[in-house]
PDB file of N, CA and C in Angstrom:
ATOM      1  N   UNK A   1     -93.927 112.283 173.699  1.00  0.00           N
ATOM      2  CA  UNK A   1     -92.492 112.219 174.021  1.00  0.00           C
ATOM      3  C   UNK A   1     -92.173 113.483 174.823  1.00  0.00           C
ATOM      4  N   UNK A   2     -90.907 113.584 175.323  1.00  0.00           N
ATOM      5  CA  UNK A   2     -90.488 114.725 176.062  1.00  0.00           C
ATOM      6  C   UNK A   2     -88.996 115.035 175.721  1.00  0.00           C
ATOM      7  N   UNK A   3     -88.655 116.239 175.982  1.00  0.00           N
ATOM      8  CA  UNK A   3     -87.227 116.634 175.736  1.00  0.00           C
ATOM      9  C   UNK A   3     -86.313 116.071 176.851  1.00  0.00           C
ATOM     10  N   UNK A   4     -85.230 115.501 176.415  1.00  0.00           N
ATOM     11  CA  UNK A   4     -84.304 114.996 177.395  1.00  0.00           C
ATOM     12  C   UNK A   4     -83.359 116.070 177.893  1.00  0.00           C
ATOM     13  N   UNK A   5     -82.876 115.820 179.154  1.00  0.00           N
ATOM     14  CA  UNK A   5     -82.010 116.827 179.721  1.00  0.00           C
ATOM     15  C   UNK A   5     -80.689 116.156 180.146  1.00  0.00           C
ATOM     16  N   UNK A   6     -80.210 115.242 179.356  1.00  0.00           N
ATOM     17  CA  UNK A   6     -78.941 114.546 179.641  1.00  0.00           C
ATOM     18  C   UNK A   6     -79.092 113.118 179.480  1.00  0.00           C
ATOM     19  N   UNK A   7     -78.017 112.383 179.628  1.00  0.00           N
ATOM     20  CA  UNK A   7     -78.023 110.949 179.433  1.00  0.00           C
ATOM     21  C   UNK A   7     -78.571 110.255 180.675  1.00  0.00           C
ATOM     22  N   UNK A   8     -79.028 109.057 180.515  1.00  0.00           N
ATOM     23  CA  UNK A   8     -79.679 108.292 181.633  1.00  0.00           C
ATOM     24  C   UNK A   8     -78.728 107.997 182.722  1.00  0.00           C
ATOM     25  N   UNK A   9     -77.489 107.718 182.434  1.00  0.00           N
ATOM     26  CA  UNK A   9     -76.503 107.390 183.453  1.00  0.00           C
ATOM     27  C   UNK A   9     -76.322 108.626 184.371  1.00  0.00           C
ATOM     28  N   UNK A  10     -76.249 109.829 183.868  1.00  0.00           N
ATOM     29  CA  UNK A  10     -76.101 110.965 184.618  1.00  0.00           C
ATOM     30  C   UNK A  10     -77.262 111.243 185.546  1.00  0.00           C
ATOM     31  N   UNK A  11     -78.456 111.037 184.921  1.00  0.00           N
ATOM     32  CA  UNK A  11     -79.648 111.222 185.753  1.00  0.00           C
ATOM     33  C   UNK A  11     -79.768 110.208 186.838  1.00  0.00           C
ATOM     34  N   UNK A  12     -79.453 108.954 186.554  1.00  0.00           N
ATOM     35  CA  UNK A  12     -79.518 107.892 187.543  1.00  0.00           C
ATOM     36  C   UNK A  12     -78.523 108.216 188.684  1.00  0.00           C
ATOM     37  N   UNK A  13     -77.312 108.705 188.381  1.00  0.00           N
ATOM     38  CA  UNK A  13     -76.355 109.020 189.364  1.00  0.00           C
ATOM     39  C   UNK A  13     -76.840 110.247 190.262  1.00  0.00           C
ATOM     40  N   UNK A  14     -77.554 111.156 189.656  1.00  0.00           N
ATOM     41  CA  UNK A  14     -78.047 112.321 190.397  1.00  0.00           C
ATOM     42  C   UNK A  14     -79.161 111.765 191.410  1.00  0.00           C
ATOM     43  N   UNK A  15     -79.976 110.909 190.971  1.00  0.00           N
ATOM     44  CA  UNK A  15     -80.993 110.329 191.850  1.00  0.00           C
ATOM     45  C   UNK A  15     -80.392 109.558 192.978  1.00  0.00           C
ATOM     46  N   UNK A  16     -79.356 108.704 192.657  1.00  0.00           N
ATOM     47  CA  UNK A  16     -78.723 107.930 193.660  1.00  0.00           C
ATOM     48  C   UNK A  16     -78.091 108.815 194.669  1.00  0.00           C
ATOM     49  N   UNK A  17     -77.438 109.908 194.211  1.00  0.00           N
ATOM     50  CA  UNK A  17     -76.851 110.888 195.144  1.00  0.00           C
ATOM     51  C   UNK A  17     -77.761 111.476 196.070  1.00  0.00           C
ATOM     52  N   UNK A  18     -78.935 111.798 195.587  1.00  0.00           N
ATOM     53  CA  UNK A  18     -80.023 112.355 196.396  1.00  0.00           C
ATOM     54  C   UNK A  18     -80.526 111.352 197.457  1.00  0.00           C
ATOM     55  N   UNK A  19     -80.674 110.117 197.081  1.00  0.00           N
ATOM     56  CA  UNK A  19     -81.054 109.103 198.001  1.00  0.00           C
ATOM     57  C   UNK A  19     -79.975 108.832 199.075  1.00  0.00           C
ATOM     58  N   UNK A  20     -78.693 108.778 198.601  1.00  0.00           N
ATOM     59  CA  UNK A  20     -77.567 108.671 199.552  1.00  0.00           C
ATOM     60  C   UNK A  20     -77.570 109.795 200.556  1.00  0.00           C
ATOM     61  N   UNK A  21     -77.767 111.021 200.092  1.00  0.00           N
ATOM     62  CA  UNK A  21     -77.802 112.181 200.958  1.00  0.00           C
ATOM     63  C   UNK A  21     -78.949 112.117 201.971  1.00  0.00           C
ATOM     64  N   UNK A  22     -80.119 111.690 201.555  1.00  0.00           N
ATOM     65  CA  UNK A  22     -81.233 111.540 202.454  1.00  0.00           C
ATOM     66  C   UNK A  22     -80.964 110.458 203.497  1.00  0.00           C
ATOM     67  N   UNK A  23     -80.340 109.362 203.139  1.00  0.00           N
ATOM     68  CA  UNK A  23     -79.982 108.366 204.128  1.00  0.00           C
ATOM     69  C   UNK A  23     -78.999 108.850 205.084  1.00  0.00           C
ATOM     70  N   UNK A  24     -78.021 109.587 204.683  1.00  0.00           N
ATOM     71  CA  UNK A  24     -77.053 110.181 205.590  1.00  0.00           C
ATOM     72  C   UNK A  24     -77.694 111.140 206.497  1.00  0.00           C
ATOM     73  N   UNK A  25     -78.588 112.038 205.942  1.00  0.00           N
ATOM     74  CA  UNK A  25     -79.172 113.030 206.792  1.00  0.00           C
ATOM     75  C   UNK A  25     -80.054 112.445 207.836  1.00  0.00           C
ATOM     76  N   UNK A  26     -80.707 111.294 207.525  1.00  0.00           N
ATOM     77  CA  UNK A  26     -81.664 110.715 208.556  1.00  0.00           C
ATOM     78  C   UNK A  26     -80.961 109.653 209.394  1.00  0.00           C
ATOM     79  N   UNK A  27     -79.760 109.313 209.092  1.00  0.00           N
ATOM     80  CA  UNK A  27     -79.016 108.314 209.819  1.00  0.00           C
ATOM     81  C   UNK A  27     -79.437 106.884 209.458  1.00  0.00           C
ATOM     82  N   UNK A  28     -79.915 106.748 208.286  1.00  0.00           N
ATOM     83  CA  UNK A  28     -80.331 105.411 207.773  1.00  0.00           C
ATOM     84  C   UNK A  28     -79.138 104.683 207.184  1.00  0.00           C
ATOM     85  N   UNK A  29     -78.725 103.541 207.772  1.00  0.00           N
ATOM     86  CA  UNK A  29     -77.668 102.766 207.216  1.00  0.00           C
ATOM     87  C   UNK A  29     -78.079 102.045 205.996  1.00  0.00           C
ATOM     88  N   UNK A  30     -79.347 101.666 205.898  1.00  0.00           N
ATOM     89  CA  UNK A  30     -79.870 100.914 204.776  1.00  0.00           C
ATOM     90  C   UNK A  30     -81.071 101.609 204.208  1.00  0.00           C
ATOM     91  N   UNK A  31     -81.402 101.446 202.937  1.00  0.00           N
ATOM     92  CA  UNK A  31     -82.422 102.090 202.260  1.00  0.00           C
ATOM     93  C   UNK A  31     -83.808 101.744 202.902  1.00  0.00           C
ATOM     94  N   UNK A  32     -83.901 100.533 203.376  1.00  0.00           N
ATOM     95  CA  UNK A  32     -85.209 100.025 203.974  1.00  0.00           C
ATOM     96  C   UNK A  32     -85.467 100.761 205.290  1.00  0.00           C
ATOM     97  N   UNK A  33     -84.444 101.364 205.918  1.00  0.00           N
ATOM     98  CA  UNK A  33     -84.614 102.101 207.209  1.00  0.00           C
ATOM     99  C   UNK A  33     -85.240 103.485 206.972  1.00  0.00           C
ATOM    100  N   UNK A  34     -85.095 104.018 205.765  1.00  0.00           N
ATOM    101  CA  UNK A  34     -85.488 105.362 205.451  1.00  0.00           C
ATOM    102  C   UNK A  34     -86.929 105.697 205.833  1.00  0.00           C
ATOM    103  N   UNK A  35     -87.907 104.887 205.376  1.00  0.00           N
ATOM    104  CA  UNK A  35     -89.296 105.188 205.778  1.00  0.00           C
ATOM    105  C   UNK A  35     -89.567 105.214 207.251  1.00  0.00           C
ATOM    106  N   UNK A  36     -88.788 104.439 208.006  1.00  0.00           N
ATOM    107  CA  UNK A  36     -88.996 104.350 209.444  1.00  0.00           C
ATOM    108  C   UNK A  36     -88.420 105.584 210.135  1.00  0.00           C
ATOM    109  N   UNK A  37     -87.461 106.217 209.545  1.00  0.00           N
ATOM    110  CA  UNK A  37     -86.723 107.334 210.148  1.00  0.00           C
ATOM    111  C   UNK A  37     -87.166 108.736 209.640  1.00  0.00           C
ATOM    112  N   UNK A  38     -88.235 108.756 208.861  1.00  0.00           N
ATOM    113  CA  UNK A  38     -88.706 110.016 208.264  1.00  0.00           C
ATOM    114  C   UNK A  38     -90.201 110.194 208.474  1.00  0.00           C
ATOM    115  N   UNK A  39     -90.603 111.389 208.408  1.00  0.00           N
ATOM    116  CA  UNK A  39     -92.020 111.748 208.464  1.00  0.00           C
ATOM    117  C   UNK A  39     -92.239 112.719 207.275  1.00  0.00           C
ATOM    118  N   UNK A  40     -93.092 112.253 206.360  1.00  0.00           N
ATOM    119  CA  UNK A  40     -93.404 113.040 205.200  1.00  0.00           C
ATOM    120  C   UNK A  40     -94.637 113.899 205.476  1.00  0.00           C
ATOM    121  N   UNK A  41     -94.574 115.127 205.033  1.00  0.00           N
ATOM    122  CA  UNK A  41     -95.722 116.038 205.326  1.00  0.00           C
ATOM    123  C   UNK A  41     -96.195 116.643 203.986  1.00  0.00           C
ATOM    124  N   UNK A  42     -97.425 116.451 203.720  1.00  0.00           N
ATOM    125  CA  UNK A  42     -97.984 116.994 202.446  1.00  0.00           C
ATOM    126  C   UNK A  42     -98.202 118.457 202.607  1.00  0.00           C
ATOM    127  N   UNK A  43     -97.678 119.226 201.668  1.00  0.00           N
ATOM    128  CA  UNK A  43     -97.888 120.730 201.753  1.00  0.00           C
ATOM    129  C   UNK A  43     -98.605 121.176 200.471  1.00  0.00           C
ATOM    130  N   UNK A  44     -99.056 122.385 200.542  1.00  0.00           N
ATOM    131  CA  UNK A  44     -99.791 122.996 199.447  1.00  0.00           C
ATOM    132  C   UNK A  44     -98.922 123.933 198.717  1.00  0.00           C
ATOM    133  N   UNK A  45     -99.349 124.390 197.554  1.00  0.00           N
ATOM    134  CA  UNK A  45     -98.602 125.417 196.838  1.00  0.00           C
ATOM    135  C   UNK A  45     -98.537 126.712 197.697  1.00  0.00           C
ATOM    136  N   UNK A  46     -99.519 126.984 198.506  1.00  0.00           N
ATOM    137  CA  UNK A  46     -99.494 128.180 199.317  1.00  0.00           C
ATOM    138  C   UNK A  46     -98.348 128.075 200.322  1.00  0.00           C
ATOM    139  N   UNK A  47     -98.119 126.918 200.874  1.00  0.00           N
ATOM    140  CA  UNK A  47     -97.008 126.713 201.857  1.00  0.00           C
ATOM    141  C   UNK A  47     -95.685 126.901 201.078  1.00  0.00           C
ATOM    142  N   UNK A  48     -95.596 126.397 199.890  1.00  0.00           N
ATOM    143  CA  UNK A  48     -94.355 126.494 199.167  1.00  0.00           C
ATOM    144  C   UNK A  48     -94.109 127.992 198.791  1.00  0.00           C
ATOM    145  N   UNK A  49     -95.159 128.745 198.406  1.00  0.00           N
ATOM    146  CA  UNK A  49     -95.027 130.155 198.039  1.00  0.00           C
ATOM    147  C   UNK A  49     -94.531 130.966 199.281  1.00  0.00           C
ATOM    148  N   UNK A  50     -94.834 130.548 200.486  1.00  0.00           N
ATOM    149  CA  UNK A  50     -94.516 131.249 201.669  1.00  0.00           C
ATOM    150  C   UNK A  50     -93.010 131.327 201.791  1.00  0.00           C
ATOM    151  N   UNK A  51     -92.246 130.321 201.340  1.00  0.00           N
ATOM    152  CA  UNK A  51     -90.854 130.195 201.541  1.00  0.00           C
ATOM    153  C   UNK A  51     -90.037 130.727 200.311  1.00  0.00           C
ATOM    154  N   UNK A  52     -90.660 131.231 199.368  1.00  0.00           N
ATOM    155  CA  UNK A  52     -89.956 131.722 198.151  1.00  0.00           C
ATOM    156  C   UNK A  52     -89.011 132.816 198.482  1.00  0.00           C
ATOM    157  N   UNK A  53     -89.261 133.740 199.350  1.00  0.00           N
ATOM    158  CA  UNK A  53     -88.255 134.745 199.692  1.00  0.00           C
ATOM    159  C   UNK A  53     -86.939 134.178 200.251  1.00  0.00           C
ATOM    160  N   UNK A  54     -86.991 132.970 200.791  1.00  0.00           N
ATOM    161  CA  UNK A  54     -85.744 132.385 201.418  1.00  0.00           C
ATOM    162  C   UNK A  54     -85.006 131.493 200.465  1.00  0.00           C
ATOM    163  N   UNK A  55     -85.451 131.293 199.206  1.00  0.00           N
ATOM    164  CA  UNK A  55     -84.809 130.486 198.264  1.00  0.00           C
ATOM    165  C   UNK A  55     -83.594 131.124 197.677  1.00  0.00           C
ATOM    166  N   UNK A  56     -82.585 130.355 197.381  1.00  0.00           N
ATOM    167  CA  UNK A  56     -81.383 130.918 196.784  1.00  0.00           C
ATOM    168  C   UNK A  56     -81.510 130.864 195.237  1.00  0.00           C
ATOM    169  N   UNK A  57     -81.209 131.990 194.615  1.00  0.00           N
ATOM    170  CA  UNK A  57     -81.232 131.981 193.117  1.00  0.00           C
ATOM    171  C   UNK A  57     -80.015 131.330 192.573  1.00  0.00           C
ATOM    172  N   UNK A  58     -80.253 130.119 191.970  1.00  0.00           N
ATOM    173  CA  UNK A  58     -79.106 129.352 191.534  1.00  0.00           C
ATOM    174  C   UNK A  58     -78.355 130.045 190.387  1.00  0.00           C
ATOM    175  N   UNK A  59     -78.982 130.979 189.676  1.00  0.00           N
ATOM    176  CA  UNK A  59     -78.359 131.686 188.592  1.00  0.00           C
ATOM    177  C   UNK A  59     -77.209 132.548 189.170  1.00  0.00           C
ATOM    178  N   UNK A  60     -77.278 132.915 190.396  1.00  0.00           N
ATOM    179  CA  UNK A  60     -76.196 133.717 190.975  1.00  0.00           C
ATOM    180  C   UNK A  60     -75.003 132.911 191.453  1.00  0.00           C
ATOM    181  N   UNK A  61     -75.166 131.552 191.473  1.00  0.00           N
ATOM    182  CA  UNK A  61     -74.083 130.709 191.991  1.00  0.00           C
ATOM    183  C   UNK A  61     -73.082 130.451 190.923  1.00  0.00           C
TER     184      UNK A  61
END
């Protein structure tokens, strides 16, 4: 089992909000258009570590 971080409804709404944002950002009017309007790039941990200095510390917000 795992520790929960909130109710299912709240989590589902967060996921839907992210999908809605991605569709808006890519100009996708429908969810099925999203794969046609995006390019996914696989990155390594090394690539992610390179951008750490540019991340915003959410504790300060």
